[in-house]
Amino acid sequence: MSALDQIKQNADLVDQIDWEMTPEEAVRLYLEWGNNWAFGSNYVIRSKDDETIYFVVSTWKEPPMVYLIRRNSEEAKEIAAIKMPEAVKLQFLKENGNLKGVYAVEGAVKEWLQRELAQA
């Protein structure tokens, strides 16, 4: 069973996914406490118990992979690693180039994940 299939079977987990969270926003929220009000963010971290679950795309290794991340003020934990379908991967690379990094899920990747998890 694939990681995406396992996520699909966990409705509580799917419901917790923050589709708007970006890697940059997560760092600002959880690692730069006290800075949250400055940017008019809708997010406020009140305690160590607060957490966010979100997807990112990592291009540090081939092939680019989608990761489901659970982030709190103490750690970022990879919950799942998901291989993109070839067409989605090619569209991602066309939109973002071949630079190494960690990206927010947008465009074709986000549409594919939401379709797969019935969140569109």
PDB file of N, CA and C in Angstrom:
ATOM      1  N   MET A   1       0.847  -1.181   0.000  1.00  0.00           N
ATOM      2  CA  MET A   1       0.000   0.000   0.000  1.00  0.00           C
ATOM      3  C   MET A   1       0.893   1.245   0.000  1.00  0.00           C
ATOM      4  N   SER A   2       0.561   2.183  -0.851  1.00  0.00           N
ATOM      5  CA  SER A   2       1.368   3.399  -0.961  1.00  0.00           C
ATOM      6  C   SER A   2       1.108   4.342   0.213  1.00  0.00           C
ATOM      7  N   ALA A   3       2.031   5.253   0.404  1.00  0.00           N
ATOM      8  CA  ALA A   3       1.874   6.247   1.473  1.00  0.00           C
ATOM      9  C   ALA A   3       0.623   7.088   1.247  1.00  0.00           C
ATOM     10  N   LEU A   4       0.326   7.418  -0.007  1.00  0.00           N
ATOM     11  CA  LEU A   4      -0.863   8.211  -0.305  1.00  0.00           C
ATOM     12  C   LEU A   4      -2.125   7.427   0.034  1.00  0.00           C
ATOM     13  N   ASP A   5      -2.134   6.133  -0.242  1.00  0.00           N
ATOM     14  CA  ASP A   5      -3.284   5.301   0.121  1.00  0.00           C
ATOM     15  C   ASP A   5      -3.471   5.246   1.635  1.00  0.00           C
ATOM     16  N   GLN A   6      -2.372   5.184   2.376  1.00  0.00           N
ATOM     17  CA  GLN A   6      -2.462   5.168   3.838  1.00  0.00           C
ATOM     18  C   GLN A   6      -3.030   6.479   4.368  1.00  0.00           C
ATOM     19  N   ILE A   7      -2.618   7.595   3.774  1.00  0.00           N
ATOM     20  CA  ILE A   7      -3.153   8.896   4.181  1.00  0.00           C
ATOM     21  C   ILE A   7      -4.647   8.954   3.897  1.00  0.00           C
ATOM     22  N   LYS A   8      -5.068   8.482   2.725  1.00  0.00           N
ATOM     23  CA  LYS A   8      -6.481   8.476   2.346  1.00  0.00           C
ATOM     24  C   LYS A   8      -7.338   7.750   3.369  1.00  0.00           C
ATOM     25  N   GLN A   9      -6.807   6.692   3.948  1.00  0.00           N
ATOM     26  CA  GLN A   9      -7.564   5.887   4.896  1.00  0.00           C
ATOM     27  C   GLN A   9      -7.680   6.537   6.276  1.00  0.00           C
ATOM     28  N   ASN A  10      -6.955   7.618   6.503  1.00  0.00           N
ATOM     29  CA  ASN A  10      -6.981   8.289   7.803  1.00  0.00           C
ATOM     30  C   ASN A  10      -7.710   9.632   7.654  1.00  0.00           C
ATOM     31  N   ALA A  11      -9.025   9.603   7.765  1.00  0.00           N
ATOM     32  CA  ALA A  11      -9.844  10.807   7.555  1.00  0.00           C
ATOM     33  C   ALA A  11      -9.467  11.927   8.514  1.00  0.00           C
ATOM     34  N   ASP A  12      -9.126  11.593   9.756  1.00  0.00           N
ATOM     35  CA  ASP A  12      -8.734  12.628  10.719  1.00  0.00           C
ATOM     36  C   ASP A  12      -7.474  13.343  10.255  1.00  0.00           C
ATOM     37  N   LEU A  13      -6.521  12.604   9.749  1.00  0.00           N
ATOM     38  CA  LEU A  13      -5.283  13.198   9.241  1.00  0.00           C
ATOM     39  C   LEU A  13      -5.574  14.079   8.035  1.00  0.00           C
ATOM     40  N   VAL A  14      -6.358  13.586   7.104  1.00  0.00           N
ATOM     41  CA  VAL A  14      -6.705  14.357   5.908  1.00  0.00           C
ATOM     42  C   VAL A  14      -7.380  15.671   6.297  1.00  0.00           C
ATOM     43  N   ASP A  15      -8.277  15.611   7.278  1.00  0.00           N
ATOM     44  CA  ASP A  15      -8.980  16.819   7.726  1.00  0.00           C
ATOM     45  C   ASP A  15      -8.046  17.850   8.360  1.00  0.00           C
ATOM     46  N   GLN A  16      -6.905  17.409   8.876  1.00  0.00           N
ATOM     47  CA  GLN A  16      -5.965  18.313   9.536  1.00  0.00           C
ATOM     48  C   GLN A  16      -4.985  18.981   8.576  1.00  0.00           C
ATOM     49  N   ILE A  17      -4.933  18.538   7.338  1.00  0.00           N
ATOM     50  CA  ILE A  17      -3.962  19.093   6.394  1.00  0.00           C
ATOM     51  C   ILE A  17      -4.269  20.557   6.126  1.00  0.00           C
ATOM     52  N   ASP A  18      -3.255  21.384   6.295  1.00  0.00           N
ATOM     53  CA  ASP A  18      -3.363  22.814   6.006  1.00  0.00           C
ATOM     54  C   ASP A  18      -2.849  23.028   4.590  1.00  0.00           C
ATOM     55  N   TRP A  19      -3.754  23.234   3.648  1.00  0.00           N
ATOM     56  CA  TRP A  19      -3.400  23.338   2.239  1.00  0.00           C
ATOM     57  C   TRP A  19      -2.741  24.662   1.902  1.00  0.00           C
ATOM     58  N   GLU A  20      -2.822  25.635   2.786  1.00  0.00           N
ATOM     59  CA  GLU A  20      -2.249  26.956   2.518  1.00  0.00           C
ATOM     60  C   GLU A  20      -0.870  27.150   3.155  1.00  0.00           C
ATOM     61  N   MET A  21      -0.469  26.237   4.029  1.00  0.00           N
ATOM     62  CA  MET A  21       0.816  26.366   4.718  1.00  0.00           C
ATOM     63  C   MET A  21       1.967  26.167   3.733  1.00  0.00           C
ATOM     64  N   THR A  22       2.967  27.023   3.864  1.00  0.00           N
ATOM     65  CA  THR A  22       4.179  26.913   3.061  1.00  0.00           C
ATOM     66  C   THR A  22       5.354  26.602   3.981  1.00  0.00           C
ATOM     67  N   PRO A  23       6.453  26.111   3.443  1.00  0.00           N
ATOM     68  CA  PRO A  23       7.624  25.864   4.296  1.00  0.00           C
ATOM     69  C   PRO A  23       8.108  27.142   4.983  1.00  0.00           C
ATOM     70  N   GLU A  24       8.054  28.258   4.268  1.00  0.00           N
ATOM     71  CA  GLU A  24       8.523  29.529   4.835  1.00  0.00           C
ATOM     72  C   GLU A  24       7.632  29.974   5.993  1.00  0.00           C
ATOM     73  N   GLU A  25       6.326  29.848   5.805  1.00  0.00           N
ATOM     74  CA  GLU A  25       5.375  30.232   6.854  1.00  0.00           C
ATOM     75  C   GLU A  25       5.536  29.332   8.081  1.00  0.00           C
ATOM     76  N   ALA A  26       5.762  28.049   7.858  1.00  0.00           N
ATOM     77  CA  ALA A  26       5.945  27.124   8.978  1.00  0.00           C
ATOM     78  C   ALA A  26       7.175  27.494   9.807  1.00  0.00           C
ATOM     79  N   VAL A  27       8.262  27.835   9.142  1.00  0.00           N
ATOM     80  CA  VAL A  27       9.472  28.244   9.861  1.00  0.00           C
ATOM     81  C   VAL A  27       9.203  29.519  10.650  1.00  0.00           C
ATOM     82  N   ARG A  28       8.564  30.476  10.013  1.00  0.00           N
ATOM     83  CA  ARG A  28       8.275  31.748  10.692  1.00  0.00           C
ATOM     84  C   ARG A  28       7.383  31.524  11.911  1.00  0.00           C
ATOM     85  N   LEU A  29       6.382  30.684  11.774  1.00  0.00           N
ATOM     86  CA  LEU A  29       5.452  30.448  12.870  1.00  0.00           C
ATOM     87  C   LEU A  29       6.075  29.690  14.027  1.00  0.00           C
ATOM     88  N   TYR A  30       6.784  28.623  13.700  1.00  0.00           N
ATOM     89  CA  TYR A  30       7.230  27.707  14.744  1.00  0.00           C
ATOM     90  C   TYR A  30       8.655  27.941  15.222  1.00  0.00           C
ATOM     91  N   LEU A  31       9.475  28.603  14.434  1.00  0.00           N
ATOM     92  CA  LEU A  31      10.857  28.805  14.847  1.00  0.00           C
ATOM     93  C   LEU A  31      11.185  30.259  15.151  1.00  0.00           C
ATOM     94  N   GLU A  32      10.294  31.157  14.775  1.00  0.00           N
ATOM     95  CA  GLU A  32      10.515  32.582  15.033  1.00  0.00           C
ATOM     96  C   GLU A  32       9.360  33.134  15.866  1.00  0.00           C
ATOM     97  N   TRP A  33       9.105  32.492  16.981  1.00  0.00           N
ATOM     98  CA  TRP A  33       8.004  32.904  17.856  1.00  0.00           C
ATOM     99  C   TRP A  33       8.129  34.394  18.166  1.00  0.00           C
ATOM    100  N   GLY A  34       6.993  35.053  18.267  1.00  0.00           N
ATOM    101  CA  GLY A  34       7.002  36.472  18.580  1.00  0.00           C
ATOM    102  C   GLY A  34       7.009  37.322  17.337  1.00  0.00           C
ATOM    103  N   ASN A  35       7.216  36.729  16.198  1.00  0.00           N
ATOM    104  CA  ASN A  35       7.281  37.439  14.935  1.00  0.00           C
ATOM    105  C   ASN A  35       5.967  37.318  14.161  1.00  0.00           C
ATOM    106  N   ASN A  36       5.036  36.538  14.663  1.00  0.00           N
ATOM    107  CA  ASN A  36       3.831  36.196  13.912  1.00  0.00           C
ATOM    108  C   ASN A  36       2.907  37.376  13.663  1.00  0.00           C
ATOM    109  N   TRP A  37       2.776  38.268  14.592  1.00  0.00           N
ATOM    110  CA  TRP A  37       1.867  39.400  14.443  1.00  0.00           C
ATOM    111  C   TRP A  37       2.335  40.369  13.372  1.00  0.00           C
ATOM    112  N   ALA A  38       3.612  40.398  13.103  1.00  0.00           N
ATOM    113  CA  ALA A  38       4.195  41.424  12.239  1.00  0.00           C
ATOM    114  C   ALA A  38       3.711  41.366  10.788  1.00  0.00           C
ATOM    115  N   PHE A  39       3.288  40.212  10.341  1.00  0.00           N
ATOM    116  CA  PHE A  39       2.939  40.052   8.938  1.00  0.00           C
ATOM    117  C   PHE A  39       1.436  39.907   8.718  1.00  0.00           C
ATOM    118  N   GLY A  40       0.636  40.160   9.747  1.00  0.00           N
ATOM    119  CA  GLY A  40      -0.802  40.056   9.609  1.00  0.00           C
ATOM    120  C   GLY A  40      -1.270  38.633   9.350  1.00  0.00           C
ATOM    121  N   SER A  41      -0.564  37.684   9.883  1.00  0.00           N
ATOM    122  CA  SER A  41      -0.876  36.279   9.662  1.00  0.00           C
ATOM    123  C   SER A  41      -2.169  35.882  10.361  1.00  0.00           C
ATOM    124  N   ASN A  42      -2.885  34.935   9.770  1.00  0.00           N
ATOM    125  CA  ASN A  42      -4.060  34.352  10.415  1.00  0.00           C
ATOM    126  C   ASN A  42      -3.658  33.292  11.426  1.00  0.00           C
ATOM    127  N   TYR A  43      -2.407  32.899  11.395  1.00  0.00           N
ATOM    128  CA  TYR A  43      -1.913  31.857  12.281  1.00  0.00           C
ATOM    129  C   TYR A  43      -1.282  32.476  13.515  1.00  0.00           C
ATOM    130  N   VAL A  44      -1.584  31.900  14.670  1.00  0.00           N
ATOM    131  CA  VAL A  44      -0.928  32.299  15.906  1.00  0.00           C
ATOM    132  C   VAL A  44      -0.606  31.024  16.677  1.00  0.00           C
ATOM    133  N   ILE A  45       0.633  30.883  17.065  1.00  0.00           N
ATOM    134  CA  ILE A  45       1.064  29.731  17.840  1.00  0.00           C
ATOM    135  C   ILE A  45       1.047  30.133  19.308  1.00  0.00           C
ATOM    136  N   ARG A  46       0.263  29.423  20.089  1.00  0.00           N
ATOM    137  CA  ARG A  46       0.076  29.795  21.491  1.00  0.00           C
ATOM    138  C   ARG A  46       0.849  28.900  22.458  1.00  0.00           C
ATOM    139  N   SER A  47       1.170  27.674  22.038  1.00  0.00           N
ATOM    140  CA  SER A  47       1.861  26.767  22.955  1.00  0.00           C
ATOM    141  C   SER A  47       2.631  25.708  22.173  1.00  0.00           C
ATOM    142  N   LYS A  48       3.386  24.909  22.892  1.00  0.00           N
ATOM    143  CA  LYS A  48       4.135  23.819  22.273  1.00  0.00           C
ATOM    144  C   LYS A  48       3.216  22.729  21.740  1.00  0.00           C
ATOM    145  N   ASP A  49       1.960  22.730  22.164  1.00  0.00           N
ATOM    146  CA  ASP A  49       1.005  21.730  21.692  1.00  0.00           C
ATOM    147  C   ASP A  49       0.453  22.044  20.308  1.00  0.00           C
ATOM    148  N   ASP A  50       0.601  23.281  19.841  1.00  0.00           N
ATOM    149  CA  ASP A  50       0.108  23.656  18.519  1.00  0.00           C
ATOM    150  C   ASP A  50       0.962  22.982  17.454  1.00  0.00           C
ATOM    151  N   GLU A  51       0.297  22.499  16.407  1.00  0.00           N
ATOM    152  CA  GLU A  51       1.011  21.863  15.310  1.00  0.00           C
ATOM    153  C   GLU A  51       0.263  22.110  14.009  1.00  0.00           C
ATOM    154  N   THR A  52       0.977  21.920  12.919  1.00  0.00           N
ATOM    155  CA  THR A  52       0.410  22.054  11.589  1.00  0.00           C
ATOM    156  C   THR A  52       0.862  20.864  10.761  1.00  0.00           C
ATOM    157  N   ILE A  53      -0.048  20.367   9.930  1.00  0.00           N
ATOM    158  CA  ILE A  53       0.259  19.277   9.024  1.00  0.00           C
ATOM    159  C   ILE A  53       0.098  19.821   7.603  1.00  0.00           C
ATOM    160  N   TYR A  54       1.145  19.682   6.800  1.00  0.00           N
ATOM    161  CA  TYR A  54       1.133  20.265   5.467  1.00  0.00           C
ATOM    162  C   TYR A  54       2.067  19.486   4.544  1.00  0.00           C
ATOM    163  N   PHE A  55       1.895  19.701   3.248  1.00  0.00           N
ATOM    164  CA  PHE A  55       2.733  19.066   2.239  1.00  0.00           C
ATOM    165  C   PHE A  55       3.822  20.017   1.770  1.00  0.00           C
ATOM    166  N   VAL A  56       4.958  19.447   1.396  1.00  0.00           N
ATOM    167  CA  VAL A  56       6.029  20.173   0.713  1.00  0.00           C
ATOM    168  C   VAL A  56       6.555  19.292  -0.417  1.00  0.00           C
ATOM    169  N   VAL A  57       7.244  19.915  -1.352  1.00  0.00           N
ATOM    170  CA  VAL A  57       7.952  19.178  -2.401  1.00  0.00           C
ATOM    171  C   VAL A  57       9.440  19.430  -2.187  1.00  0.00           C
ATOM    172  N   SER A  58      10.214  18.364  -2.109  1.00  0.00           N
ATOM    173  CA  SER A  58      11.658  18.474  -1.969  1.00  0.00           C
ATOM    174  C   SER A  58      12.326  18.040  -3.266  1.00  0.00           C
ATOM    175  N   THR A  59      13.243  18.876  -3.732  1.00  0.00           N
ATOM    176  CA  THR A  59      14.004  18.553  -4.947  1.00  0.00           C
ATOM    177  C   THR A  59      15.478  18.303  -4.632  1.00  0.00           C
ATOM    178  N   TRP A  60      15.788  18.056  -3.370  1.00  0.00           N
ATOM    179  CA  TRP A  60      17.185  17.838  -2.998  1.00  0.00           C
ATOM    180  C   TRP A  60      17.733  16.542  -3.574  1.00  0.00           C
ATOM    181  N   LYS A  61      16.864  15.554  -3.795  1.00  0.00           N
ATOM    182  CA  LYS A  61      17.282  14.284  -4.387  1.00  0.00           C
ATOM    183  C   LYS A  61      16.387  14.001  -5.572  1.00  0.00           C
ATOM    184  N   GLU A  62      16.867  13.132  -6.456  1.00  0.00           N
ATOM    185  CA  GLU A  62      16.056  12.688  -7.592  1.00  0.00           C
ATOM    186  C   GLU A  62      15.353  11.400  -7.218  1.00  0.00           C
ATOM    187  N   PRO A  63      14.133  11.236  -7.573  1.00  0.00           N
ATOM    188  CA  PRO A  63      13.244  12.221  -8.172  1.00  0.00           C
ATOM    189  C   PRO A  63      12.698  13.166  -7.099  1.00  0.00           C
ATOM    190  N   PRO A  64      12.166  14.320  -7.506  1.00  0.00           N
ATOM    191  CA  PRO A  64      11.508  15.194  -6.527  1.00  0.00           C
ATOM    192  C   PRO A  64      10.407  14.406  -5.818  1.00  0.00           C
ATOM    193  N   MET A  65      10.265  14.645  -4.521  1.00  0.00           N
ATOM    194  CA  MET A  65       9.275  13.912  -3.723  1.00  0.00           C
ATOM    195  C   MET A  65       8.374  14.881  -2.977  1.00  0.00           C
ATOM    196  N   VAL A  66       7.155  14.434  -2.733  1.00  0.00           N
ATOM    197  CA  VAL A  66       6.214  15.159  -1.892  1.00  0.00           C
ATOM    198  C   VAL A  66       6.305  14.551  -0.498  1.00  0.00           C
ATOM    199  N   TYR A  67       6.387  15.399   0.510  1.00  0.00           N
ATOM    200  CA  TYR A  67       6.413  14.937   1.894  1.00  0.00           C
ATOM    201  C   TYR A  67       5.254  15.551   2.656  1.00  0.00           C
ATOM    202  N   LEU A  68       4.614  14.736   3.488  1.00  0.00           N
ATOM    203  CA  LEU A  68       3.622  15.242   4.421  1.00  0.00           C
ATOM    204  C   LEU A  68       4.366  15.473   5.728  1.00  0.00           C
ATOM    205  N   ILE A  69       4.294  16.700   6.227  1.00  0.00           N
ATOM    206  CA  ILE A  69       5.074  17.134   7.388  1.00  0.00           C
ATOM    207  C   ILE A  69       4.149  17.451   8.552  1.00  0.00           C
ATOM    208  N   ARG A  70       4.544  17.031   9.741  1.00  0.00           N
ATOM    209  CA  ARG A  70       3.887  17.455  10.984  1.00  0.00           C
ATOM    210  C   ARG A  70       4.886  18.369  11.690  1.00  0.00           C
ATOM    211  N   ARG A  71       4.542  19.641  11.843  1.00  0.00           N
ATOM    212  CA  ARG A  71       5.470  20.642  12.402  1.00  0.00           C
ATOM    213  C   ARG A  71       4.893  21.200  13.692  1.00  0.00           C
ATOM    214  N   ASN A  72       5.737  21.268  14.711  1.00  0.00           N
ATOM    215  CA  ASN A  72       5.428  22.028  15.917  1.00  0.00           C
ATOM    216  C   ASN A  72       6.675  22.826  16.281  1.00  0.00           C
ATOM    217  N   SER A  73       6.682  23.433  17.429  1.00  0.00           N
ATOM    218  CA  SER A  73       7.810  24.301  17.778  1.00  0.00           C
ATOM    219  C   SER A  73       9.078  23.523  18.114  1.00  0.00           C
ATOM    220  N   GLU A  74       8.968  22.221  18.254  1.00  0.00           N
ATOM    221  CA  GLU A  74      10.134  21.421  18.608  1.00  0.00           C
ATOM    222  C   GLU A  74      10.730  20.643  17.436  1.00  0.00           C
ATOM    223  N   GLU A  75       9.893  20.297  16.446  1.00  0.00           N
ATOM    224  CA  GLU A  75      10.415  19.490  15.352  1.00  0.00           C
ATOM    225  C   GLU A  75       9.505  19.547  14.130  1.00  0.00           C
ATOM    226  N   ALA A  76      10.074  19.151  13.020  1.00  0.00           N
ATOM    227  CA  ALA A  76       9.321  18.899  11.796  1.00  0.00           C
ATOM    228  C   ALA A  76       9.534  17.425  11.488  1.00  0.00           C
ATOM    229  N   LYS A  77       8.454  16.678  11.443  1.00  0.00           N
ATOM    230  CA  LYS A  77       8.545  15.234  11.260  1.00  0.00           C
ATOM    231  C   LYS A  77       7.891  14.844   9.943  1.00  0.00           C
ATOM    232  N   GLU A  78       8.594  14.069   9.140  1.00  0.00           N
ATOM    233  CA  GLU A  78       8.036  13.557   7.897  1.00  0.00           C
ATOM    234  C   GLU A  78       7.087  12.417   8.223  1.00  0.00           C
ATOM    235  N   ILE A  79       5.812  12.603   7.892  1.00  0.00           N
ATOM    236  CA  ILE A  79       4.809  11.567   8.126  1.00  0.00           C
ATOM    237  C   ILE A  79       4.786  10.585   6.960  1.00  0.00           C
ATOM    238  N   ALA A  80       4.969  11.104   5.750  1.00  0.00           N
ATOM    239  CA  ALA A  80       4.909  10.248   4.567  1.00  0.00           C
ATOM    240  C   ALA A  80       5.744  10.851   3.442  1.00  0.00           C
ATOM    241  N   ALA A  81       6.293   9.982   2.617  1.00  0.00           N
ATOM    242  CA  ALA A  81       6.996  10.375   1.394  1.00  0.00           C
ATOM    243  C   ALA A  81       6.197   9.820   0.228  1.00  0.00           C
ATOM    244  N   ILE A  82       5.883  10.695  -0.734  1.00  0.00           N
ATOM    245  CA  ILE A  82       4.986  10.321  -1.821  1.00  0.00           C
ATOM    246  C   ILE A  82       5.651  10.648  -3.153  1.00  0.00           C
ATOM    247  N   LYS A  83       5.699   9.658  -4.021  1.00  0.00           N
ATOM    248  CA  LYS A  83       6.242   9.854  -5.363  1.00  0.00           C
ATOM    249  C   LYS A  83       5.150  10.458  -6.246  1.00  0.00           C
ATOM    250  N   MET A  84       5.517  11.491  -6.992  1.00  0.00           N
ATOM    251  CA  MET A  84       4.572  12.131  -7.899  1.00  0.00           C
ATOM    252  C   MET A  84       4.428  11.317  -9.176  1.00  0.00           C
ATOM    253  N   PRO A  85       3.236  11.312  -9.766  1.00  0.00           N
ATOM    254  CA  PRO A  85       3.106  10.721 -11.107  1.00  0.00           C
ATOM    255  C   PRO A  85       3.999  11.493 -12.081  1.00  0.00           C
ATOM    256  N   GLU A  86       4.441  10.838 -13.116  1.00  0.00           N
ATOM    257  CA  GLU A  86       5.388  11.443 -14.055  1.00  0.00           C
ATOM    258  C   GLU A  86       4.876  12.773 -14.620  1.00  0.00           C
ATOM    259  N   ALA A  87       3.623  12.825 -15.024  1.00  0.00           N
ATOM    260  CA  ALA A  87       3.075  14.055 -15.615  1.00  0.00           C
ATOM    261  C   ALA A  87       3.076  15.202 -14.605  1.00  0.00           C
ATOM    262  N   VAL A  88       2.763  14.909 -13.358  1.00  0.00           N
ATOM    263  CA  VAL A  88       2.755  15.941 -12.307  1.00  0.00           C
ATOM    264  C   VAL A  88       4.180  16.405 -12.035  1.00  0.00           C
ATOM    265  N   LYS A  89       5.107  15.464 -11.973  1.00  0.00           N
ATOM    266  CA  LYS A  89       6.515  15.808 -11.746  1.00  0.00           C
ATOM    267  C   LYS A  89       7.038  16.708 -12.867  1.00  0.00           C
ATOM    268  N   LEU A  90       6.746  16.363 -14.100  1.00  0.00           N
ATOM    269  CA  LEU A  90       7.211  17.168 -15.231  1.00  0.00           C
ATOM    270  C   LEU A  90       6.607  18.572 -15.200  1.00  0.00           C
ATOM    271  N   GLN A  91       5.332  18.688 -14.847  1.00  0.00           N
ATOM    272  CA  GLN A  91       4.700  20.003 -14.740  1.00  0.00           C
ATOM    273  C   GLN A  91       5.338  20.807 -13.612  1.00  0.00           C
ATOM    274  N   PHE A  92       5.602  20.165 -12.473  1.00  0.00           N
ATOM    275  CA  PHE A  92       6.269  20.837 -11.354  1.00  0.00           C
ATOM    276  C   PHE A  92       7.624  21.380 -11.794  1.00  0.00           C
ATOM    277  N   LEU A  93       8.415  20.548 -12.456  1.00  0.00           N
ATOM    278  CA  LEU A  93       9.744  20.977 -12.899  1.00  0.00           C
ATOM    279  C   LEU A  93       9.647  22.103 -13.931  1.00  0.00           C
ATOM    280  N   LYS A  94       8.649  22.048 -14.793  1.00  0.00           N
ATOM    281  CA  LYS A  94       8.444  23.118 -15.767  1.00  0.00           C
ATOM    282  C   LYS A  94       8.132  24.434 -15.062  1.00  0.00           C
ATOM    283  N   GLU A  95       7.315  24.383 -14.007  1.00  0.00           N
ATOM    284  CA  GLU A  95       6.912  25.588 -13.271  1.00  0.00           C
ATOM    285  C   GLU A  95       8.021  26.116 -12.357  1.00  0.00           C
ATOM    286  N   ASN A  96       8.856  25.217 -11.832  1.00  0.00           N
ATOM    287  CA  ASN A  96       9.823  25.608 -10.800  1.00  0.00           C
ATOM    288  C   ASN A  96      11.283  25.484 -11.209  1.00  0.00           C
ATOM    289  N   GLY A  97      11.550  24.882 -12.339  1.00  0.00           N
ATOM    290  CA  GLY A  97      12.933  24.701 -12.752  1.00  0.00           C
ATOM    291  C   GLY A  97      13.580  23.536 -12.031  1.00  0.00           C
ATOM    292  N   ASN A  98      14.876  23.440 -12.157  1.00  0.00           N
ATOM    293  CA  ASN A  98      15.624  22.328 -11.567  1.00  0.00           C
ATOM    294  C   ASN A  98      16.446  22.749 -10.358  1.00  0.00           C
ATOM    295  N   LEU A  99      16.062  23.816  -9.708  1.00  0.00           N
ATOM    296  CA  LEU A  99      16.791  24.266  -8.526  1.00  0.00           C
ATOM    297  C   LEU A  99      16.509  23.344  -7.347  1.00  0.00           C
ATOM    298  N   LYS A 100      17.533  23.117  -6.543  1.00  0.00           N
ATOM    299  CA  LYS A 100      17.378  22.293  -5.346  1.00  0.00           C
ATOM    300  C   LYS A 100      16.711  23.121  -4.258  1.00  0.00           C
ATOM    301  N   GLY A 101      15.778  22.504  -3.540  1.00  0.00           N
ATOM    302  CA  GLY A 101      15.106  23.220  -2.466  1.00  0.00           C
ATOM    303  C   GLY A 101      13.876  22.494  -1.964  1.00  0.00           C
ATOM    304  N   VAL A 102      13.134  23.185  -1.109  1.00  0.00           N
ATOM    305  CA  VAL A 102      11.879  22.697  -0.564  1.00  0.00           C
ATOM    306  C   VAL A 102      10.819  23.716  -0.939  1.00  0.00           C
ATOM    307  N   TYR A 103       9.763  23.249  -1.574  1.00  0.00           N
ATOM    308  CA  TYR A 103       8.751  24.118  -2.154  1.00  0.00           C
ATOM    309  C   TYR A 103       7.378  23.857  -1.544  1.00  0.00           C
ATOM    310  N   ALA A 104       6.549  24.882  -1.533  1.00  0.00           N
ATOM    311  CA  ALA A 104       5.144  24.726  -1.171  1.00  0.00           C
ATOM    312  C   ALA A 104       4.452  23.935  -2.270  1.00  0.00           C
ATOM    313  N   VAL A 105       3.378  23.234  -1.924  1.00  0.00           N
ATOM    314  CA  VAL A 105       2.599  22.550  -2.956  1.00  0.00           C
ATOM    315  C   VAL A 105       1.652  23.564  -3.587  1.00  0.00           C
ATOM    316  N   GLU A 106       1.792  23.708  -4.880  1.00  0.00           N
ATOM    317  CA  GLU A 106       0.987  24.642  -5.665  1.00  0.00           C
ATOM    318  C   GLU A 106       0.728  24.012  -7.015  1.00  0.00           C
ATOM    319  N   GLY A 107      -0.116  24.639  -7.789  1.00  0.00           N
ATOM    320  CA  GLY A 107      -0.333  24.232  -9.171  1.00  0.00           C
ATOM    321  C   GLY A 107      -0.700  22.772  -9.316  1.00  0.00           C
ATOM    322  N   ALA A 108      -0.040  22.096 -10.254  1.00  0.00           N
ATOM    323  CA  ALA A 108      -0.365  20.713 -10.598  1.00  0.00           C
ATOM    324  C   ALA A 108      -0.207  19.762  -9.418  1.00  0.00           C
ATOM    325  N   VAL A 109       0.789  19.994  -8.571  1.00  0.00           N
ATOM    326  CA  VAL A 109       1.015  19.103  -7.429  1.00  0.00           C
ATOM    327  C   VAL A 109      -0.139  19.215  -6.435  1.00  0.00           C
ATOM    328  N   LYS A 110      -0.531  20.429  -6.117  1.00  0.00           N
ATOM    329  CA  LYS A 110      -1.627  20.646  -5.177  1.00  0.00           C
ATOM    330  C   LYS A 110      -2.942  20.089  -5.733  1.00  0.00           C
ATOM    331  N   GLU A 111      -3.201  20.351  -7.006  1.00  0.00           N
ATOM    332  CA  GLU A 111      -4.427  19.846  -7.631  1.00  0.00           C
ATOM    333  C   GLU A 111      -4.467  18.324  -7.591  1.00  0.00           C
ATOM    334  N   TRP A 112      -3.353  17.675  -7.895  1.00  0.00           N
ATOM    335  CA  TRP A 112      -3.279  16.213  -7.866  1.00  0.00           C
ATOM    336  C   TRP A 112      -3.530  15.678  -6.464  1.00  0.00           C
ATOM    337  N   LEU A 113      -2.851  16.257  -5.463  1.00  0.00           N
ATOM    338  CA  LEU A 113      -3.028  15.784  -4.087  1.00  0.00           C
ATOM    339  C   LEU A 113      -4.461  15.982  -3.609  1.00  0.00           C
ATOM    340  N   GLN A 114      -5.027  17.135  -3.883  1.00  0.00           N
ATOM    341  CA  GLN A 114      -6.397  17.393  -3.452  1.00  0.00           C
ATOM    342  C   GLN A 114      -7.374  16.447  -4.149  1.00  0.00           C
ATOM    343  N   ARG A 115      -7.159  16.176  -5.404  1.00  0.00           N
ATOM    344  CA  ARG A 115      -8.004  15.234  -6.132  1.00  0.00           C
ATOM    345  C   ARG A 115      -7.879  13.827  -5.508  1.00  0.00           C
ATOM    346  N   GLU A 116      -6.648  13.417  -5.249  1.00  0.00           N
ATOM    347  CA  GLU A 116      -6.408  12.097  -4.663  1.00  0.00           C
ATOM    348  C   GLU A 116      -7.031  11.959  -3.271  1.00  0.00           C
ATOM    349  N   LEU A 117      -7.019  13.046  -2.528  1.00  0.00           N
ATOM    350  CA  LEU A 117      -7.550  13.014  -1.159  1.00  0.00           C
ATOM    351  C   LEU A 117      -8.970  13.572  -1.086  1.00  0.00           C
ATOM    352  N   ALA A 118      -9.569  13.824  -2.260  1.00  0.00           N
ATOM    353  CA  ALA A 118     -10.950  14.327  -2.363  1.00  0.00           C
ATOM    354  C   ALA A 118     -11.132  15.614  -1.574  1.00  0.00           C
ATOM    355  N   GLN A 119     -10.179  16.545  -1.712  1.00  0.00           N
ATOM    356  CA  GLN A 119     -10.238  17.817  -0.998  1.00  0.00           C
ATOM    357  C   GLN A 119     -10.396  19.005  -1.919  1.00  0.00           C
ATOM    358  N   ALA A 120     -10.582  18.786  -3.205  1.00  0.00           N
ATOM    359  CA  ALA A 120     -10.674  19.884  -4.162  1.00  0.00           C
ATOM    360  C   ALA A 120     -11.986  20.622  -4.026  1.00  0.00           C
TER     361      ALA A 120
END
